[in-house]
Amino acid sequence: WADDLGDETGDRDESLKLLEWWERELADCF
């Protein structure tokens, strides 16, 4: 998921936004 959020959107700003969300999900998990 992390890799595809970073590599597959085709839009750097969108990828950053999604990776920030993924990071929040990680924090909630732990």
Full PDB file with SEQRES, HELIX, SHEET, SSBOND, CRYST1, ORIGX, SCALE, CONECT and MASTER records, all heavy atoms in Angstrom:
SEQRES   1 A   30  TRP ALA ASP ASP LEU GLY ASP GLU THR GLY ASP ARG ASP          
SEQRES   2 A   30  GLU SER LEU LYS LEU LEU GLU TRP TRP GLU ARG GLU LEU          
SEQRES   3 A   30  ALA ASP CYS PHE                                              
HELIX    1 AA1 ALA A    2  ASP A    7  1                                   6    
HELIX    2 AA2 ARG A   12  CYS A   29  1                                  18    
CRYST1    1.000    1.000    1.000  90.00  90.00  90.00 P 1           1          
ORIGX1      1.000000  0.000000  0.000000        0.00000                         
ORIGX2      0.000000  1.000000  0.000000        0.00000                         
ORIGX3      0.000000  0.000000  1.000000        0.00000                         
SCALE1      1.000000  0.000000  0.000000        0.00000                         
SCALE2      0.000000  1.000000  0.000000        0.00000                         
SCALE3      0.000000  0.000000  1.000000        0.00000                         
ATOM      1  N   TRP A   1       0.833  -1.199   0.000  1.00  0.00           N  
ATOM      2  CA  TRP A   1       0.000   0.000   0.000  1.00  0.00           C  
ATOM      3  C   TRP A   1       0.869   1.251   0.000  1.00  0.00           C  
ATOM      4  O   TRP A   1       0.638   2.172  -0.791  1.00  0.00           O  
ATOM      5  CB  TRP A   1      -0.948   0.002   1.212  1.00  0.00           C  
ATOM      6  CG  TRP A   1      -2.312  -0.510   0.879  1.00  0.00           C  
ATOM      7  CD1 TRP A   1      -2.683  -1.816   0.724  1.00  0.00           C  
ATOM      8  CD2 TRP A   1      -3.476   0.279   0.645  1.00  0.00           C  
ATOM      9  NE1 TRP A   1      -4.019  -1.881   0.424  1.00  0.00           N  
ATOM     10  CE2 TRP A   1      -4.532  -0.611   0.370  1.00  0.00           C  
ATOM     11  CE3 TRP A   1      -3.737   1.646   0.670  1.00  0.00           C  
ATOM     12  CZ2 TRP A   1      -5.826  -0.166   0.105  1.00  0.00           C  
ATOM     13  CZ3 TRP A   1      -5.024   2.084   0.403  1.00  0.00           C  
ATOM     14  CH2 TRP A   1      -6.059   1.186   0.117  1.00  0.00           C  
ATOM     15  N   ALA A   2       1.859   1.303   0.855  1.00  0.00           N  
ATOM     16  CA  ALA A   2       2.725   2.482   0.923  1.00  0.00           C  
ATOM     17  C   ALA A   2       3.396   2.734  -0.423  1.00  0.00           C  
ATOM     18  O   ALA A   2       3.439   3.874  -0.908  1.00  0.00           O  
ATOM     19  CB  ALA A   2       3.770   2.312   2.033  1.00  0.00           C  
ATOM     20  N   ASP A   3       3.906   1.675  -1.034  1.00  0.00           N  
ATOM     21  CA  ASP A   3       4.577   1.799  -2.323  1.00  0.00           C  
ATOM     22  C   ASP A   3       3.627   2.315  -3.395  1.00  0.00           C  
ATOM     23  O   ASP A   3       3.949   3.242  -4.139  1.00  0.00           O  
ATOM     24  CB  ASP A   3       5.177   0.453  -2.726  1.00  0.00           C  
ATOM     25  CG  ASP A   3       5.962   0.523  -4.021  1.00  0.00           C  
ATOM     26  OD1 ASP A   3       6.791   1.447  -4.175  1.00  0.00           O  
ATOM     27  OD2 ASP A   3       5.758  -0.350  -4.886  1.00  0.00           O  
ATOM     28  N   ASP A   4       2.441   1.728  -3.479  1.00  0.00           N  
ATOM     29  CA  ASP A   4       1.494   2.152  -4.505  1.00  0.00           C  
ATOM     30  C   ASP A   4       0.958   3.556  -4.260  1.00  0.00           C  
ATOM     31  O   ASP A   4       0.732   4.303  -5.209  1.00  0.00           O  
ATOM     32  CB  ASP A   4       0.342   1.150  -4.632  1.00  0.00           C  
ATOM     33  CG  ASP A   4       0.756  -0.120  -5.353  1.00  0.00           C  
ATOM     34  OD1 ASP A   4       1.951  -0.265  -5.702  1.00  0.00           O  
ATOM     35  OD2 ASP A   4      -0.115  -0.990  -5.575  1.00  0.00           O  
ATOM     36  N   LEU A   5       0.758   3.935  -3.010  1.00  0.00           N  
ATOM     37  CA  LEU A   5       0.332   5.313  -2.728  1.00  0.00           C  
ATOM     38  C   LEU A   5       1.392   6.302  -3.174  1.00  0.00           C  
ATOM     39  O   LEU A   5       1.078   7.400  -3.629  1.00  0.00           O  
ATOM     40  CB  LEU A   5       0.031   5.493  -1.239  1.00  0.00           C  
ATOM     41  CG  LEU A   5      -1.170   4.719  -0.694  1.00  0.00           C  
ATOM     42  CD1 LEU A   5      -1.280   4.914   0.817  1.00  0.00           C  
ATOM     43  CD2 LEU A   5      -2.465   5.115  -1.390  1.00  0.00           C  
ATOM     44  N   GLY A   6       2.649   5.900  -3.073  1.00  0.00           N  
ATOM     45  CA  GLY A   6       3.736   6.769  -3.505  1.00  0.00           C  
ATOM     46  C   GLY A   6       3.992   6.745  -4.990  1.00  0.00           C  
ATOM     47  O   GLY A   6       4.345   7.770  -5.577  1.00  0.00           O  
ATOM     48  N   ASP A   7       3.795   5.600  -5.629  1.00  0.00           N  
ATOM     49  CA  ASP A   7       4.223   5.440  -7.024  1.00  0.00           C  
ATOM     50  C   ASP A   7       3.121   5.407  -8.070  1.00  0.00           C  
ATOM     51  O   ASP A   7       3.398   5.611  -9.245  1.00  0.00           O  
ATOM     52  CB  ASP A   7       5.024   4.138  -7.185  1.00  0.00           C  
ATOM     53  CG  ASP A   7       6.385   4.199  -6.548  1.00  0.00           C  
ATOM     54  OD1 ASP A   7       6.838   5.306  -6.203  1.00  0.00           O  
ATOM     55  OD2 ASP A   7       6.995   3.133  -6.396  1.00  0.00           O  
ATOM     56  N   GLU A   8       1.913   5.120  -7.690  1.00  0.00           N  
ATOM     57  CA  GLU A   8       0.902   4.811  -8.702  1.00  0.00           C  
ATOM     58  C   GLU A   8      -0.120   5.904  -8.988  1.00  0.00           C  
ATOM     59  O   GLU A   8      -0.900   5.764  -9.922  1.00  0.00           O  
ATOM     60  CB  GLU A   8       0.154   3.521  -8.317  1.00  0.00           C  
ATOM     61  CG  GLU A   8       1.051   2.297  -8.206  1.00  0.00           C  
ATOM     62  CD  GLU A   8       1.690   1.888  -9.529  1.00  0.00           C  
ATOM     63  OE1 GLU A   8       1.089   2.118 -10.601  1.00  0.00           O  
ATOM     64  OE2 GLU A   8       2.810   1.357  -9.484  1.00  0.00           O  
ATOM     65  N   THR A   9      -0.141   6.986  -8.210  1.00  0.00           N  
ATOM     66  CA  THR A   9      -1.180   8.000  -8.437  1.00  0.00           C  
ATOM     67  C   THR A   9      -0.898   8.861  -9.662  1.00  0.00           C  
ATOM     68  O   THR A   9      -1.826   9.391 -10.259  1.00  0.00           O  
ATOM     69  CB  THR A   9      -1.344   8.928  -7.216  1.00  0.00           C  
ATOM     70  OG1 THR A   9      -0.185   9.747  -7.101  1.00  0.00           O  
ATOM     71  CG2 THR A   9      -1.629   8.150  -5.946  1.00  0.00           C  
ATOM     72  N   GLY A  10       0.385   9.029  -9.995  1.00  0.00           N  
ATOM     73  CA  GLY A  10       0.731   9.900 -11.106  1.00  0.00           C  
ATOM     74  C   GLY A  10       0.698  11.379 -10.736  1.00  0.00           C  
ATOM     75  O   GLY A  10       0.820  12.243 -11.594  1.00  0.00           O  
ATOM     76  N   ASP A  11       0.533  11.686  -9.458  1.00  0.00           N  
ATOM     77  CA  ASP A  11       0.432  13.067  -8.998  1.00  0.00           C  
ATOM     78  C   ASP A  11       1.156  13.167  -7.659  1.00  0.00           C  
ATOM     79  O   ASP A  11       0.713  12.605  -6.652  1.00  0.00           O  
ATOM     80  CB  ASP A  11      -1.054  13.425  -8.839  1.00  0.00           C  
ATOM     81  CG  ASP A  11      -1.309  14.829  -8.337  1.00  0.00           C  
ATOM     82  OD1 ASP A  11      -0.499  15.359  -7.540  1.00  0.00           O  
ATOM     83  OD2 ASP A  11      -2.348  15.401  -8.713  1.00  0.00           O  
ATOM     84  N   ARG A  12       2.268  13.882  -7.643  1.00  0.00           N  
ATOM     85  CA  ARG A  12       3.098  13.975  -6.429  1.00  0.00           C  
ATOM     86  C   ARG A  12       2.324  14.550  -5.240  1.00  0.00           C  
ATOM     87  O   ARG A  12       2.456  14.069  -4.114  1.00  0.00           O  
ATOM     88  CB  ARG A  12       4.336  14.815  -6.692  1.00  0.00           C  
ATOM     89  CG  ARG A  12       5.324  14.126  -7.604  1.00  0.00           C  
ATOM     90  CD  ARG A  12       6.586  14.982  -7.787  1.00  0.00           C  
ATOM     91  NE  ARG A  12       7.467  14.381  -8.750  1.00  0.00           N  
ATOM     92  CZ  ARG A  12       8.284  13.370  -8.492  1.00  0.00           C  
ATOM     93  NH1 ARG A  12       8.347  12.866  -7.293  1.00  0.00           N  
ATOM     94  NH2 ARG A  12       9.057  12.868  -9.442  1.00  0.00           N  
ATOM     95  N   ASP A  13       1.520  15.570  -5.472  1.00  0.00           N  
ATOM     96  CA  ASP A  13       0.752  16.173  -4.376  1.00  0.00           C  
ATOM     97  C   ASP A  13      -0.261  15.181  -3.818  1.00  0.00           C  
ATOM     98  O   ASP A  13      -0.428  15.077  -2.601  1.00  0.00           O  
ATOM     99  CB  ASP A  13       0.047  17.450  -4.837  1.00  0.00           C  
ATOM    100  CG  ASP A  13       1.024  18.577  -5.117  1.00  0.00           C  
ATOM    101  OD1 ASP A  13       2.137  18.572  -4.540  1.00  0.00           O  
ATOM    102  OD2 ASP A  13       0.689  19.464  -5.927  1.00  0.00           O  
ATOM    103  N   GLU A  14      -0.928  14.462  -4.704  1.00  0.00           N  
ATOM    104  CA  GLU A  14      -1.894  13.449  -4.259  1.00  0.00           C  
ATOM    105  C   GLU A  14      -1.183  12.332  -3.499  1.00  0.00           C  
ATOM    106  O   GLU A  14      -1.669  11.864  -2.469  1.00  0.00           O  
ATOM    107  CB  GLU A  14      -2.661  12.878  -5.456  1.00  0.00           C  
ATOM    108  CG  GLU A  14      -3.683  11.827  -5.080  1.00  0.00           C  
ATOM    109  CD  GLU A  14      -4.856  12.355  -4.264  1.00  0.00           C  
ATOM    110  OE1 GLU A  14      -5.040  13.580  -4.154  1.00  0.00           O  
ATOM    111  OE2 GLU A  14      -5.597  11.516  -3.712  1.00  0.00           O  
ATOM    112  N   SER A  15      -0.032  11.908  -3.995  1.00  0.00           N  
ATOM    113  CA  SER A  15       0.729  10.874  -3.291  1.00  0.00           C  
ATOM    114  C   SER A  15       1.130  11.332  -1.900  1.00  0.00           C  
ATOM    115  O   SER A  15       1.003  10.568  -0.929  1.00  0.00           O  
ATOM    116  CB  SER A  15       1.968  10.472  -4.091  1.00  0.00           C  
ATOM    117  OG  SER A  15       1.609   9.692  -5.203  1.00  0.00           O  
ATOM    118  N   LEU A  16       1.612  12.559  -1.780  1.00  0.00           N  
ATOM    119  CA  LEU A  16       1.978  13.077  -0.458  1.00  0.00           C  
ATOM    120  C   LEU A  16       0.776  13.105   0.487  1.00  0.00           C  
ATOM    121  O   LEU A  16       0.880  12.731   1.660  1.00  0.00           O  
ATOM    122  CB  LEU A  16       2.597  14.473  -0.573  1.00  0.00           C  
ATOM    123  CG  LEU A  16       4.052  14.507  -1.001  1.00  0.00           C  
ATOM    124  CD1 LEU A  16       4.477  15.930  -1.334  1.00  0.00           C  
ATOM    125  CD2 LEU A  16       4.945  13.915   0.084  1.00  0.00           C  
ATOM    126  N   LYS A  17      -0.351  13.541  -0.031  1.00  0.00           N  
ATOM    127  CA  LYS A  17      -1.573  13.584   0.773  1.00  0.00           C  
ATOM    128  C   LYS A  17      -1.948  12.171   1.251  1.00  0.00           C  
ATOM    129  O   LYS A  17      -2.275  11.963   2.423  1.00  0.00           O  
ATOM    130  CB  LYS A  17      -2.703  14.193  -0.059  1.00  0.00           C  
ATOM    131  CG  LYS A  17      -4.030  14.266   0.618  1.00  0.00           C  
ATOM    132  CD  LYS A  17      -5.059  14.884  -0.330  1.00  0.00           C  
ATOM    133  CE  LYS A  17      -6.437  14.365   0.005  1.00  0.00           C  
ATOM    134  NZ  LYS A  17      -7.429  14.683  -0.999  1.00  0.00           N  
ATOM    135  N   LEU A  18      -1.884  11.210   0.349  1.00  0.00           N  
ATOM    136  CA  LEU A  18      -2.232   9.834   0.708  1.00  0.00           C  
ATOM    137  C   LEU A  18      -1.209   9.212   1.656  1.00  0.00           C  
ATOM    138  O   LEU A  18      -1.582   8.459   2.563  1.00  0.00           O  
ATOM    139  CB  LEU A  18      -2.386   8.981  -0.552  1.00  0.00           C  
ATOM    140  CG  LEU A  18      -3.617   9.297  -1.387  1.00  0.00           C  
ATOM    141  CD1 LEU A  18      -3.543   8.608  -2.742  1.00  0.00           C  
ATOM    142  CD2 LEU A  18      -4.894   8.929  -0.641  1.00  0.00           C  
ATOM    143  N   LEU A  19       0.052   9.529   1.477  1.00  0.00           N  
ATOM    144  CA  LEU A  19       1.078   9.007   2.384  1.00  0.00           C  
ATOM    145  C   LEU A  19       0.939   9.610   3.784  1.00  0.00           C  
ATOM    146  O   LEU A  19       1.173   8.926   4.790  1.00  0.00           O  
ATOM    147  CB  LEU A  19       2.476   9.238   1.811  1.00  0.00           C  
ATOM    148  CG  LEU A  19       2.811   8.360   0.602  1.00  0.00           C  
ATOM    149  CD1 LEU A  19       4.043   8.896  -0.124  1.00  0.00           C  
ATOM    150  CD2 LEU A  19       2.999   6.908   1.017  1.00  0.00           C  
ATOM    151  N   GLU A  20       0.535  10.871   3.872  1.00  0.00           N  
ATOM    152  CA  GLU A  20       0.261  11.489   5.176  1.00  0.00           C  
ATOM    153  C   GLU A  20      -0.895  10.755   5.859  1.00  0.00           C  
ATOM    154  O   GLU A  20      -0.852  10.486   7.065  1.00  0.00           O  
ATOM    155  CB  GLU A  20      -0.063  12.981   5.022  1.00  0.00           C  
ATOM    156  CG  GLU A  20       1.106  13.829   4.589  1.00  0.00           C  
ATOM    157  CD  GLU A  20       2.141  14.036   5.674  1.00  0.00           C  
ATOM    158  OE1 GLU A  20       1.815  13.860   6.868  1.00  0.00           O  
ATOM    159  OE2 GLU A  20       3.288  14.362   5.329  1.00  0.00           O  
ATOM    160  N   TRP A  21      -1.929  10.453   5.096  1.00  0.00           N  
ATOM    161  CA  TRP A  21      -3.059   9.687   5.629  1.00  0.00           C  
ATOM    162  C   TRP A  21      -2.594   8.306   6.091  1.00  0.00           C  
ATOM    163  O   TRP A  21      -2.951   7.864   7.182  1.00  0.00           O  
ATOM    164  CB  TRP A  21      -4.148   9.562   4.554  1.00  0.00           C  
ATOM    165  CG  TRP A  21      -5.127   8.463   4.813  1.00  0.00           C  
ATOM    166  CD1 TRP A  21      -6.098   8.439   5.783  1.00  0.00           C  
ATOM    167  CD2 TRP A  21      -5.211   7.220   4.123  1.00  0.00           C  
ATOM    168  NE1 TRP A  21      -6.777   7.246   5.718  1.00  0.00           N  
ATOM    169  CE2 TRP A  21      -6.261   6.479   4.712  1.00  0.00           C  
ATOM    170  CE3 TRP A  21      -4.512   6.660   3.059  1.00  0.00           C  
ATOM    171  CZ2 TRP A  21      -6.617   5.215   4.269  1.00  0.00           C  
ATOM    172  CZ3 TRP A  21      -4.879   5.396   2.613  1.00  0.00           C  
ATOM    173  CH2 TRP A  21      -5.914   4.687   3.218  1.00  0.00           C  
ATOM    174  N   TRP A  22      -1.764   7.639   5.287  1.00  0.00           N  
ATOM    175  CA  TRP A  22      -1.262   6.305   5.625  1.00  0.00           C  
ATOM    176  C   TRP A  22      -0.453   6.360   6.922  1.00  0.00           C  
ATOM    177  O   TRP A  22      -0.541   5.466   7.758  1.00  0.00           O  
ATOM    178  CB  TRP A  22      -0.435   5.778   4.460  1.00  0.00           C  
ATOM    179  CG  TRP A  22      -0.204   4.300   4.456  1.00  0.00           C  
ATOM    180  CD1 TRP A  22       1.001   3.662   4.468  1.00  0.00           C  
ATOM    181  CD2 TRP A  22      -1.189   3.261   4.412  1.00  0.00           C  
ATOM    182  NE1 TRP A  22       0.822   2.296   4.442  1.00  0.00           N  
ATOM    183  CE2 TRP A  22      -0.517   2.030   4.396  1.00  0.00           C  
ATOM    184  CE3 TRP A  22      -2.585   3.264   4.389  1.00  0.00           C  
ATOM    185  CZ2 TRP A  22      -1.180   0.802   4.362  1.00  0.00           C  
ATOM    186  CZ3 TRP A  22      -3.254   2.043   4.349  1.00  0.00           C  
ATOM    187  CH2 TRP A  22      -2.549   0.843   4.337  1.00  0.00           C  
ATOM    188  N   GLU A  23       0.288   7.437   7.101  1.00  0.00           N  
ATOM    189  CA  GLU A  23       1.070   7.617   8.318  1.00  0.00           C  
ATOM    190  C   GLU A  23       0.159   7.793   9.540  1.00  0.00           C  
ATOM    191  O   GLU A  23       0.455   7.265  10.626  1.00  0.00           O  
ATOM    192  CB  GLU A  23       1.994   8.825   8.150  1.00  0.00           C  
ATOM    193  CG  GLU A  23       3.072   8.932   9.176  1.00  0.00           C  
ATOM    194  CD  GLU A  23       4.114   9.948   8.750  1.00  0.00           C  
ATOM    195  OE1 GLU A  23       3.765  10.999   8.164  1.00  0.00           O  
ATOM    196  OE2 GLU A  23       5.292   9.681   9.013  1.00  0.00           O  
ATOM    197  N   ARG A  24      -0.942   8.502   9.375  1.00  0.00           N  
ATOM    198  CA  ARG A  24      -1.906   8.647  10.478  1.00  0.00           C  
ATOM    199  C   ARG A  24      -2.544   7.301  10.811  1.00  0.00           C  
ATOM    200  O   ARG A  24      -2.747   6.967  11.985  1.00  0.00           O  
ATOM    201  CB  ARG A  24      -2.982   9.677  10.129  1.00  0.00           C  
ATOM    202  CG  ARG A  24      -2.473  11.111  10.110  1.00  0.00           C  
ATOM    203  CD  ARG A  24      -3.586  12.120   9.985  1.00  0.00           C  
ATOM    204  NE  ARG A  24      -4.433  11.955   8.820  1.00  0.00           N  
ATOM    205  CZ  ARG A  24      -4.177  12.472   7.612  1.00  0.00           C  
ATOM    206  NH1 ARG A  24      -3.080  13.200   7.421  1.00  0.00           N  
ATOM    207  NH2 ARG A  24      -5.005  12.260   6.610  1.00  0.00           N  
ATOM    208  N   GLU A  25      -2.852   6.512   9.787  1.00  0.00           N  
ATOM    209  CA  GLU A  25      -3.411   5.172  10.001  1.00  0.00           C  
ATOM    210  C   GLU A  25      -2.409   4.292  10.751  1.00  0.00           C  
ATOM    211  O   GLU A  25      -2.793   3.511  11.627  1.00  0.00           O  
ATOM    212  CB  GLU A  25      -3.794   4.524   8.664  1.00  0.00           C  
ATOM    213  CG  GLU A  25      -4.953   5.193   7.951  1.00  0.00           C  
ATOM    214  CD  GLU A  25      -6.292   5.009   8.639  1.00  0.00           C  
ATOM    215  OE1 GLU A  25      -6.568   3.906   9.165  1.00  0.00           O  
ATOM    216  OE2 GLU A  25      -7.085   5.968   8.648  1.00  0.00           O  
ATOM    217  N   LEU A  26      -1.129   4.418  10.417  1.00  0.00           N  
ATOM    218  CA  LEU A  26      -0.078   3.667  11.108  1.00  0.00           C  
ATOM    219  C   LEU A  26      -0.048   4.042  12.591  1.00  0.00           C  
ATOM    220  O   LEU A  26      -0.005   3.161  13.462  1.00  0.00           O  
ATOM    221  CB  LEU A  26       1.283   3.935  10.462  1.00  0.00           C  
ATOM    222  CG  LEU A  26       2.500   3.337  11.172  1.00  0.00           C  
ATOM    223  CD1 LEU A  26       2.480   1.813  11.112  1.00  0.00           C  
ATOM    224  CD2 LEU A  26       3.790   3.886  10.546  1.00  0.00           C  
ATOM    225  N   ALA A  27      -0.086   5.332  12.877  1.00  0.00           N  
ATOM    226  CA  ALA A  27      -0.074   5.789  14.273  1.00  0.00           C  
ATOM    227  C   ALA A  27      -1.286   5.243  15.027  1.00  0.00           C  
ATOM    228  O   ALA A  27      -1.160   4.769  16.165  1.00  0.00           O  
ATOM    229  CB  ALA A  27      -0.044   7.322  14.325  1.00  0.00           C  
ATOM    230  N   ASP A  28      -2.452   5.278  14.388  1.00  0.00           N  
ATOM    231  CA  ASP A  28      -3.659   4.737  15.028  1.00  0.00           C  
ATOM    232  C   ASP A  28      -3.528   3.236  15.275  1.00  0.00           C  
ATOM    233  O   ASP A  28      -3.972   2.730  16.300  1.00  0.00           O  
ATOM    234  CB  ASP A  28      -4.892   5.016  14.171  1.00  0.00           C  
ATOM    235  CG  ASP A  28      -5.347   6.465  14.239  1.00  0.00           C  
ATOM    236  OD1 ASP A  28      -4.880   7.216  15.132  1.00  0.00           O  
ATOM    237  OD2 ASP A  28      -6.166   6.858  13.386  1.00  0.00           O  
ATOM    238  N   CYS A  29      -2.920   2.533  14.353  1.00  0.00           N  
ATOM    239  CA  CYS A  29      -2.706   1.092  14.512  1.00  0.00           C  
ATOM    240  C   CYS A  29      -1.875   0.809  15.756  1.00  0.00           C  
ATOM    241  O   CYS A  29      -2.256  -0.010  16.600  1.00  0.00           O  
ATOM    242  CB  CYS A  29      -2.025   0.532  13.268  1.00  0.00           C  
ATOM    243  SG  CYS A  29      -1.479  -1.186  13.416  1.00  0.00           S  
ATOM    244  N   PHE A  30      -0.761   1.487  15.868  1.00  0.00           N  
ATOM    245  CA  PHE A  30       0.134   1.230  16.996  1.00  0.00           C  
ATOM    246  C   PHE A  30      -0.408   1.802  18.306  1.00  0.00           C  
ATOM    247  O   PHE A  30       0.060   1.429  19.376  1.00  0.00           O  
ATOM    248  CB  PHE A  30       1.551   1.716  16.688  1.00  0.00           C  
ATOM    249  CG  PHE A  30       2.340   0.695  15.916  1.00  0.00           C  
ATOM    250  CD1 PHE A  30       2.189   0.549  14.548  1.00  0.00           C  
ATOM    251  CD2 PHE A  30       3.226  -0.148  16.580  1.00  0.00           C  
ATOM    252  CE1 PHE A  30       2.899  -0.414  13.841  1.00  0.00           C  
ATOM    253  CE2 PHE A  30       3.948  -1.117  15.881  1.00  0.00           C  
ATOM    254  CZ  PHE A  30       3.781  -1.247  14.513  1.00  0.00           C  
TER     255      PHE A  30                                                      
MASTER        0    0    0    2    0    0    0    6  254    1    0    3          
END                                                                             
